């Protein structure tokens, strides 16, 4: 953990993990890049547009008996709408992403594709990928459910990368059996694979959720 001051405005900022080199200053919206204890402001970051998500920075949950806290978010926009990707810092020091779209939640962790992954290879080659295509990841069969181009609409908190307004990615969602899911993304030429499972807010035992009009706070979050 590193407590410091924003080099742009002087406000107090905190980096909770050495694995997260970027912090968006809450006061001036500058992207602060960390290199050891050296901090550098790298320009302003767009504020995340208002939405109706019950999640927020500081929400806490539990997955596989390990607690976590949401410490960062990127909001992505595409032609059919948008979705949130929340970065979760686990109590064991690991990281996970929680994808949130249309009231559904995907808990995902970085994975290795292994040899012969057809969809990952087509993503690397910028080849066409269609819904319904199949692939195998770590012995589990998955089917492509969605392929889209998206751009960053805003970001906040601590992140493993800078997410400026307009950053574009290619994103592929996949579904497996028994609630398993996966996501493949191509960002600035790099392809990453994430695997995990669908979960509800109750299953993740979320607390410190955000209240908003028209959404009653569930009993488990009290």
C-alpha atoms as a PDB file:
ATOM      1  CA  UNK A   1       0.000   0.000   0.000  1.00  0.00           C
ATOM      2  CA  UNK A   2       1.213   3.500  -0.836  1.00  0.00           C
ATOM      3  CA  UNK A   3      -0.296   6.680   0.599  1.00  0.00           C
ATOM      4  CA  UNK A   4       0.746   9.783  -1.313  1.00  0.00           C
ATOM      5  CA  UNK A   5      -0.486  13.066  -2.765  1.00  0.00           C
ATOM      6  CA  UNK A   6      -1.691  13.684  -6.299  1.00  0.00           C
ATOM      7  CA  UNK A   7       1.154  15.360  -8.218  1.00  0.00           C
ATOM      8  CA  UNK A   8      -1.420  17.466 -10.074  1.00  0.00           C
ATOM      9  CA  UNK A   9      -3.684  18.846  -7.313  1.00  0.00           C
ATOM     10  CA  UNK A  10      -2.108  17.679  -4.045  1.00  0.00           C
ATOM     11  CA  UNK A  11      -5.107  15.644  -2.849  1.00  0.00           C
ATOM     12  CA  UNK A  12      -4.461  12.508  -0.801  1.00  0.00           C
ATOM     13  CA  UNK A  13      -4.446   9.321  -2.886  1.00  0.00           C
ATOM     14  CA  UNK A  14      -3.856   5.669  -2.029  1.00  0.00           C
ATOM     15  CA  UNK A  15      -2.518   2.736  -4.041  1.00  0.00           C
ATOM     16  CA  UNK A  16      -3.564  -0.488  -2.323  1.00  0.00           C
ATOM     17  CA  UNK A  17      -1.583  -2.872  -4.529  1.00  0.00           C
ATOM     18  CA  UNK A  18       1.807  -2.658  -6.217  1.00  0.00           C
ATOM     19  CA  UNK A  19       0.224  -4.558  -9.129  1.00  0.00           C
ATOM     20  CA  UNK A  20      -2.036  -1.589  -9.932  1.00  0.00           C
ATOM     21  CA  UNK A  21      -0.003   1.189 -11.557  1.00  0.00           C
ATOM     22  CA  UNK A  22      -2.870   3.611 -12.281  1.00  0.00           C
ATOM     23  CA  UNK A  23      -5.039   5.615  -9.902  1.00  0.00           C
ATOM     24  CA  UNK A  24      -7.666   8.137 -11.012  1.00  0.00           C
ATOM     25  CA  UNK A  25      -7.540  11.048  -8.571  1.00  0.00           C
ATOM     26  CA  UNK A  26     -10.964  11.579  -7.003  1.00  0.00           C
ATOM     27  CA  UNK A  27     -10.383  15.330  -6.772  1.00  0.00           C
ATOM     28  CA  UNK A  28      -8.989  16.406 -10.151  1.00  0.00           C
ATOM     29  CA  UNK A  29      -9.682  13.287 -12.312  1.00  0.00           C
ATOM     30  CA  UNK A  30      -6.018  13.009 -13.355  1.00  0.00           C
ATOM     31  CA  UNK A  31      -4.630   9.578 -14.205  1.00  0.00           C
ATOM     32  CA  UNK A  32      -1.734   9.074 -11.772  1.00  0.00           C
ATOM     33  CA  UNK A  33       0.792   6.487 -12.934  1.00  0.00           C
ATOM     34  CA  UNK A  34       2.970   4.813 -10.309  1.00  0.00           C
ATOM     35  CA  UNK A  35       6.517   3.590 -10.898  1.00  0.00           C
ATOM     36  CA  UNK A  36       7.741   2.426  -7.524  1.00  0.00           C
ATOM     37  CA  UNK A  37       7.170   5.459  -5.299  1.00  0.00           C
ATOM     38  CA  UNK A  38       7.434   7.901  -8.199  1.00  0.00           C
ATOM     39  CA  UNK A  39       4.071   9.311  -9.319  1.00  0.00           C
ATOM     40  CA  UNK A  40       3.300  11.113 -12.555  1.00  0.00           C
ATOM     41  CA  UNK A  41       0.079  12.775 -13.701  1.00  0.00           C
ATOM     42  CA  UNK A  42      -0.797  11.645 -17.244  1.00  0.00           C
ATOM     43  CA  UNK A  43      -3.805  13.805 -18.130  1.00  0.00           C
ATOM     44  CA  UNK A  44      -7.467  14.015 -17.197  1.00  0.00           C
ATOM     45  CA  UNK A  45      -9.811  11.011 -17.264  1.00  0.00           C
ATOM     46  CA  UNK A  46     -13.503  11.286 -18.131  1.00  0.00           C
ATOM     47  CA  UNK A  47     -15.906  10.821 -15.225  1.00  0.00           C
ATOM     48  CA  UNK A  48     -18.023   7.673 -15.387  1.00  0.00           C
ATOM     49  CA  UNK A  49     -21.536   8.534 -16.644  1.00  0.00           C
ATOM     50  CA  UNK A  50     -24.338   8.161 -14.121  1.00  0.00           C
ATOM     51  CA  UNK A  51     -26.106   4.787 -14.251  1.00  0.00           C
ATOM     52  CA  UNK A  52     -28.377   2.662 -12.074  1.00  0.00           C
ATOM     53  CA  UNK A  53     -25.814   0.160 -10.829  1.00  0.00           C
ATOM     54  CA  UNK A  54     -26.138  -0.937  -7.184  1.00  0.00           C
ATOM     55  CA  UNK A  55     -22.353  -1.415  -7.089  1.00  0.00           C
ATOM     56  CA  UNK A  56     -19.891   1.313  -6.174  1.00  0.00           C
ATOM     57  CA  UNK A  57     -16.252   1.779  -5.239  1.00  0.00           C
ATOM     58  CA  UNK A  58     -16.013   0.326  -1.730  1.00  0.00           C
ATOM     59  CA  UNK A  59     -18.691  -2.353  -2.165  1.00  0.00           C
ATOM     60  CA  UNK A  60     -17.541  -5.610  -0.560  1.00  0.00           C
ATOM     61  CA  UNK A  61     -18.328  -9.228  -1.302  1.00  0.00           C
ATOM     62  CA  UNK A  62     -17.160 -12.824  -0.949  1.00  0.00           C
ATOM     63  CA  UNK A  63     -16.264 -15.355  -3.643  1.00  0.00           C
ATOM     64  CA  UNK A  64     -15.088 -18.901  -2.922  1.00  0.00           C
ATOM     65  CA  UNK A  65     -14.737 -17.991   0.762  1.00  0.00           C
ATOM     66  CA  UNK A  66     -12.386 -15.092  -0.042  1.00  0.00           C
ATOM     67  CA  UNK A  67     -13.481 -11.526   0.629  1.00  0.00           C
ATOM     68  CA  UNK A  68     -12.957  -8.745  -1.877  1.00  0.00           C
ATOM     69  CA  UNK A  69     -13.541  -5.007  -2.286  1.00  0.00           C
ATOM     70  CA  UNK A  70     -14.356  -3.061  -5.457  1.00  0.00           C
ATOM     71  CA  UNK A  71     -11.580  -0.526  -6.025  1.00  0.00           C
ATOM     72  CA  UNK A  72     -11.885   0.463  -9.698  1.00  0.00           C
ATOM     73  CA  UNK A  73     -14.300   0.677 -12.614  1.00  0.00           C
ATOM     74  CA  UNK A  74     -14.285   1.115 -16.373  1.00  0.00           C
ATOM     75  CA  UNK A  75     -17.519   1.946 -18.191  1.00  0.00           C
ATOM     76  CA  UNK A  76     -17.680   0.651 -21.779  1.00  0.00           C
ATOM     77  CA  UNK A  77     -20.094   1.845 -24.446  1.00  0.00           C
ATOM     78  CA  UNK A  78     -21.084   0.116 -27.684  1.00  0.00           C
ATOM     79  CA  UNK A  79     -23.815   0.565 -30.318  1.00  0.00           C
ATOM     80  CA  UNK A  80     -26.325  -1.481 -28.290  1.00  0.00           C
ATOM     81  CA  UNK A  81     -25.731   0.060 -24.870  1.00  0.00           C
ATOM     82  CA  UNK A  82     -23.000  -0.239 -22.273  1.00  0.00           C
ATOM     83  CA  UNK A  83     -21.588  -2.242 -19.389  1.00  0.00           C
ATOM     84  CA  UNK A  84     -19.400  -1.836 -16.298  1.00  0.00           C
ATOM     85  CA  UNK A  85     -16.244  -3.710 -15.460  1.00  0.00           C
ATOM     86  CA  UNK A  86     -15.460  -3.488 -11.736  1.00  0.00           C
ATOM     87  CA  UNK A  87     -11.996  -4.346 -10.440  1.00  0.00           C
ATOM     88  CA  UNK A  88     -12.076  -6.381  -7.212  1.00  0.00           C
ATOM     89  CA  UNK A  89      -9.082  -6.586  -4.875  1.00  0.00           C
ATOM     90  CA  UNK A  90      -9.240  -9.913  -3.049  1.00  0.00           C
ATOM     91  CA  UNK A  91      -8.171 -10.427   0.560  1.00  0.00           C
ATOM     92  CA  UNK A  92      -5.490 -12.876  -0.665  1.00  0.00           C
ATOM     93  CA  UNK A  93      -3.946 -10.132  -2.829  1.00  0.00           C
ATOM     94  CA  UNK A  94      -5.376 -11.430  -6.112  1.00  0.00           C
ATOM     95  CA  UNK A  95      -7.518  -9.531  -8.592  1.00  0.00           C
ATOM     96  CA  UNK A  96     -10.829 -10.267 -10.273  1.00  0.00           C
ATOM     97  CA  UNK A  97     -13.175  -8.405 -12.591  1.00  0.00           C
ATOM     98  CA  UNK A  98     -16.935  -8.230 -12.188  1.00  0.00           C
ATOM     99  CA  UNK A  99     -18.684  -7.545 -15.471  1.00  0.00           C
ATOM    100  CA  UNK A 100     -22.112  -5.951 -15.029  1.00  0.00           C
ATOM    101  CA  UNK A 101     -24.650  -5.648 -17.837  1.00  0.00           C
ATOM    102  CA  UNK A 102     -28.447  -5.541 -17.767  1.00  0.00           C
ATOM    103  CA  UNK A 103     -28.592  -6.749 -14.173  1.00  0.00           C
ATOM    104  CA  UNK A 104     -26.316  -9.761 -14.716  1.00  0.00           C
ATOM    105  CA  UNK A 105     -22.901 -10.222 -13.136  1.00  0.00           C
ATOM    106  CA  UNK A 106     -19.881 -12.160 -14.384  1.00  0.00           C
ATOM    107  CA  UNK A 107     -16.997 -12.750 -11.969  1.00  0.00           C
ATOM    108  CA  UNK A 108     -13.862 -13.254 -14.046  1.00  0.00           C
ATOM    109  CA  UNK A 109     -10.154 -13.814 -13.451  1.00  0.00           C
ATOM    110  CA  UNK A 110      -7.244 -13.669 -15.874  1.00  0.00           C
ATOM    111  CA  UNK A 111      -6.543 -17.079 -17.448  1.00  0.00           C
ATOM    112  CA  UNK A 112      -4.190 -18.695 -19.933  1.00  0.00           C
ATOM    113  CA  UNK A 113      -5.885 -19.818 -23.168  1.00  0.00           C
ATOM    114  CA  UNK A 114      -3.706 -22.855 -23.754  1.00  0.00           C
ATOM    115  CA  UNK A 115      -2.723 -24.157 -27.199  1.00  0.00           C
ATOM    116  CA  UNK A 116      -5.227 -24.410 -30.017  1.00  0.00           C
ATOM    117  CA  UNK A 117      -7.816 -21.940 -28.732  1.00  0.00           C
ATOM    118  CA  UNK A 118      -9.526 -21.029 -31.986  1.00  0.00           C
ATOM    119  CA  UNK A 119     -11.361 -17.929 -30.802  1.00  0.00           C
ATOM    120  CA  UNK A 120      -8.304 -16.437 -29.097  1.00  0.00           C
ATOM    121  CA  UNK A 121      -6.248 -17.034 -32.238  1.00  0.00           C
ATOM    122  CA  UNK A 122      -8.879 -15.403 -34.453  1.00  0.00           C
ATOM    123  CA  UNK A 123      -8.924 -12.446 -32.078  1.00  0.00           C
ATOM    124  CA  UNK A 124      -5.136 -12.113 -32.400  1.00  0.00           C
ATOM    125  CA  UNK A 125      -5.426 -12.307 -36.195  1.00  0.00           C
ATOM    126  CA  UNK A 126      -8.273  -9.744 -36.328  1.00  0.00           C
ATOM    127  CA  UNK A 127     -10.322 -12.425 -38.077  1.00  0.00           C
ATOM    128  CA  UNK A 128     -14.108 -12.584 -38.059  1.00  0.00           C
ATOM    129  CA  UNK A 129     -15.712 -14.206 -35.004  1.00  0.00           C
ATOM    130  CA  UNK A 130     -19.392 -15.109 -35.077  1.00  0.00           C
ATOM    131  CA  UNK A 131     -21.915 -15.873 -32.359  1.00  0.00           C
ATOM    132  CA  UNK A 132     -22.331 -19.629 -31.979  1.00  0.00           C
ATOM    133  CA  UNK A 133     -18.648 -20.440 -32.570  1.00  0.00           C
ATOM    134  CA  UNK A 134     -17.239 -22.933 -30.077  1.00  0.00           C
ATOM    135  CA  UNK A 135     -13.911 -23.342 -28.327  1.00  0.00           C
ATOM    136  CA  UNK A 136     -12.418 -25.235 -25.383  1.00  0.00           C
ATOM    137  CA  UNK A 137     -10.713 -23.554 -22.419  1.00  0.00           C
ATOM    138  CA  UNK A 138      -9.042 -25.661 -19.714  1.00  0.00           C
ATOM    139  CA  UNK A 139     -11.165 -28.673 -20.671  1.00  0.00           C
ATOM    140  CA  UNK A 140     -14.473 -26.791 -20.657  1.00  0.00           C
ATOM    141  CA  UNK A 141     -16.468 -26.199 -23.840  1.00  0.00           C
ATOM    142  CA  UNK A 142     -17.673 -22.647 -24.463  1.00  0.00           C
ATOM    143  CA  UNK A 143     -19.853 -21.003 -27.086  1.00  0.00           C
ATOM    144  CA  UNK A 144     -19.512 -17.415 -28.312  1.00  0.00           C
ATOM    145  CA  UNK A 145     -22.624 -15.450 -27.322  1.00  0.00           C
ATOM    146  CA  UNK A 146     -21.636 -11.894 -28.237  1.00  0.00           C
ATOM    147  CA  UNK A 147     -19.046 -10.024 -30.301  1.00  0.00           C
ATOM    148  CA  UNK A 148     -18.768  -6.237 -30.175  1.00  0.00           C
ATOM    149  CA  UNK A 149     -16.548  -3.203 -30.570  1.00  0.00           C
ATOM    150  CA  UNK A 150     -16.652  -0.844 -27.597  1.00  0.00           C
ATOM    151  CA  UNK A 151     -15.107   2.400 -26.388  1.00  0.00           C
ATOM    152  CA  UNK A 152     -14.344   3.685 -22.915  1.00  0.00           C
ATOM    153  CA  UNK A 153     -16.959   6.116 -21.563  1.00  0.00           C
ATOM    154  CA  UNK A 154     -15.136   6.811 -18.278  1.00  0.00           C
ATOM    155  CA  UNK A 155     -13.164   5.225 -15.455  1.00  0.00           C
ATOM    156  CA  UNK A 156     -12.489   5.647 -11.755  1.00  0.00           C
ATOM    157  CA  UNK A 157     -10.459   4.275  -8.857  1.00  0.00           C
ATOM    158  CA  UNK A 158      -7.420   2.013  -9.122  1.00  0.00           C
ATOM    159  CA  UNK A 159      -6.764   0.117 -12.344  1.00  0.00           C
ATOM    160  CA  UNK A 160      -4.065  -2.090 -13.923  1.00  0.00           C
ATOM    161  CA  UNK A 161      -4.075   0.121 -17.041  1.00  0.00           C
ATOM    162  CA  UNK A 162      -4.982   3.634 -18.132  1.00  0.00           C
ATOM    163  CA  UNK A 163      -8.516   3.880 -19.554  1.00  0.00           C
ATOM    164  CA  UNK A 164      -8.894   7.263 -21.249  1.00  0.00           C
ATOM    165  CA  UNK A 165     -12.120   8.408 -22.875  1.00  0.00           C
ATOM    166  CA  UNK A 166     -12.464   6.862 -26.339  1.00  0.00           C
ATOM    167  CA  UNK A 167     -10.106   3.920 -25.784  1.00  0.00           C
ATOM    168  CA  UNK A 168     -11.455   1.179 -28.076  1.00  0.00           C
ATOM    169  CA  UNK A 169     -11.511  -2.576 -27.538  1.00  0.00           C
ATOM    170  CA  UNK A 170     -12.882  -5.671 -29.214  1.00  0.00           C
ATOM    171  CA  UNK A 171     -14.830  -7.850 -26.798  1.00  0.00           C
ATOM    172  CA  UNK A 172     -16.116 -11.424 -27.087  1.00  0.00           C
ATOM    173  CA  UNK A 173     -18.349 -13.070 -24.464  1.00  0.00           C
ATOM    174  CA  UNK A 174     -18.593 -16.847 -24.126  1.00  0.00           C
ATOM    175  CA  UNK A 175     -20.844 -19.159 -22.123  1.00  0.00           C
ATOM    176  CA  UNK A 176     -20.108 -22.639 -20.805  1.00  0.00           C
ATOM    177  CA  UNK A 177     -22.072 -25.182 -18.800  1.00  0.00           C
ATOM    178  CA  UNK A 178     -23.069 -24.866 -15.135  1.00  0.00           C
ATOM    179  CA  UNK A 179     -22.951 -21.074 -15.104  1.00  0.00           C
ATOM    180  CA  UNK A 180     -19.421 -20.789 -16.401  1.00  0.00           C
ATOM    181  CA  UNK A 181     -18.495 -17.871 -18.620  1.00  0.00           C
ATOM    182  CA  UNK A 182     -15.487 -16.289 -20.280  1.00  0.00           C
ATOM    183  CA  UNK A 183     -14.475 -13.057 -21.940  1.00  0.00           C
ATOM    184  CA  UNK A 184     -11.788 -12.334 -24.522  1.00  0.00           C
ATOM    185  CA  UNK A 185     -10.688  -8.749 -25.102  1.00  0.00           C
ATOM    186  CA  UNK A 186      -8.258  -7.090 -27.467  1.00  0.00           C
ATOM    187  CA  UNK A 187      -6.941  -3.800 -26.135  1.00  0.00           C
ATOM    188  CA  UNK A 188      -4.150  -1.835 -27.839  1.00  0.00           C
ATOM    189  CA  UNK A 189      -3.050  -4.959 -29.712  1.00  0.00           C
ATOM    190  CA  UNK A 190      -2.937  -7.242 -26.658  1.00  0.00           C
ATOM    191  CA  UNK A 191      -5.375 -10.149 -26.292  1.00  0.00           C
ATOM    192  CA  UNK A 192      -6.465 -11.246 -22.796  1.00  0.00           C
ATOM    193  CA  UNK A 193      -8.648 -14.149 -21.682  1.00  0.00           C
ATOM    194  CA  UNK A 194     -10.744 -14.154 -18.516  1.00  0.00           C
ATOM    195  CA  UNK A 195     -12.759 -17.085 -17.160  1.00  0.00           C
ATOM    196  CA  UNK A 196     -15.206 -17.397 -14.300  1.00  0.00           C
ATOM    197  CA  UNK A 197     -18.894 -17.741 -13.556  1.00  0.00           C
ATOM    198  CA  UNK A 198     -22.184 -15.894 -13.432  1.00  0.00           C
ATOM    199  CA  UNK A 199     -23.309 -14.868  -9.949  1.00  0.00           C
ATOM    200  CA  UNK A 200     -25.989 -12.829  -8.247  1.00  0.00           C
ATOM    201  CA  UNK A 201     -25.447 -10.043  -5.722  1.00  0.00           C
ATOM    202  CA  UNK A 202     -26.786 -12.382  -3.033  1.00  0.00           C
ATOM    203  CA  UNK A 203     -24.427 -15.216  -4.020  1.00  0.00           C
ATOM    204  CA  UNK A 204     -21.484 -12.812  -3.789  1.00  0.00           C
ATOM    205  CA  UNK A 205     -22.789 -11.587  -0.407  1.00  0.00           C
ATOM    206  CA  UNK A 206     -22.391  -7.943  -1.331  1.00  0.00           C
ATOM    207  CA  UNK A 207     -22.497  -5.184   1.271  1.00  0.00           C
ATOM    208  CA  UNK A 208     -22.081  -1.406   1.068  1.00  0.00           C
ATOM    209  CA  UNK A 209     -24.228  -1.268  -2.052  1.00  0.00           C
ATOM    210  CA  UNK A 210     -25.465   1.998  -3.545  1.00  0.00           C
ATOM    211  CA  UNK A 211     -29.079   2.919  -2.887  1.00  0.00           C
ATOM    212  CA  UNK A 212     -31.059   4.650  -5.614  1.00  0.00           C
ATOM    213  CA  UNK A 213     -34.702   5.444  -6.267  1.00  0.00           C
ATOM    214  CA  UNK A 214     -36.792   2.510  -7.434  1.00  0.00           C
ATOM    215  CA  UNK A 215     -34.413  -0.181  -6.152  1.00  0.00           C
ATOM    216  CA  UNK A 216     -35.084  -1.521  -2.625  1.00  0.00           C
ATOM    217  CA  UNK A 217     -31.924  -2.420  -0.709  1.00  0.00           C
ATOM    218  CA  UNK A 218     -31.893  -6.239  -0.309  1.00  0.00           C
ATOM    219  CA  UNK A 219     -31.877  -7.748   3.189  1.00  0.00           C
ATOM    220  CA  UNK A 220     -28.511  -9.476   2.689  1.00  0.00           C
ATOM    221  CA  UNK A 221     -26.790  -6.110   2.096  1.00  0.00           C
ATOM    222  CA  UNK A 222     -28.069  -4.502   5.294  1.00  0.00           C
END
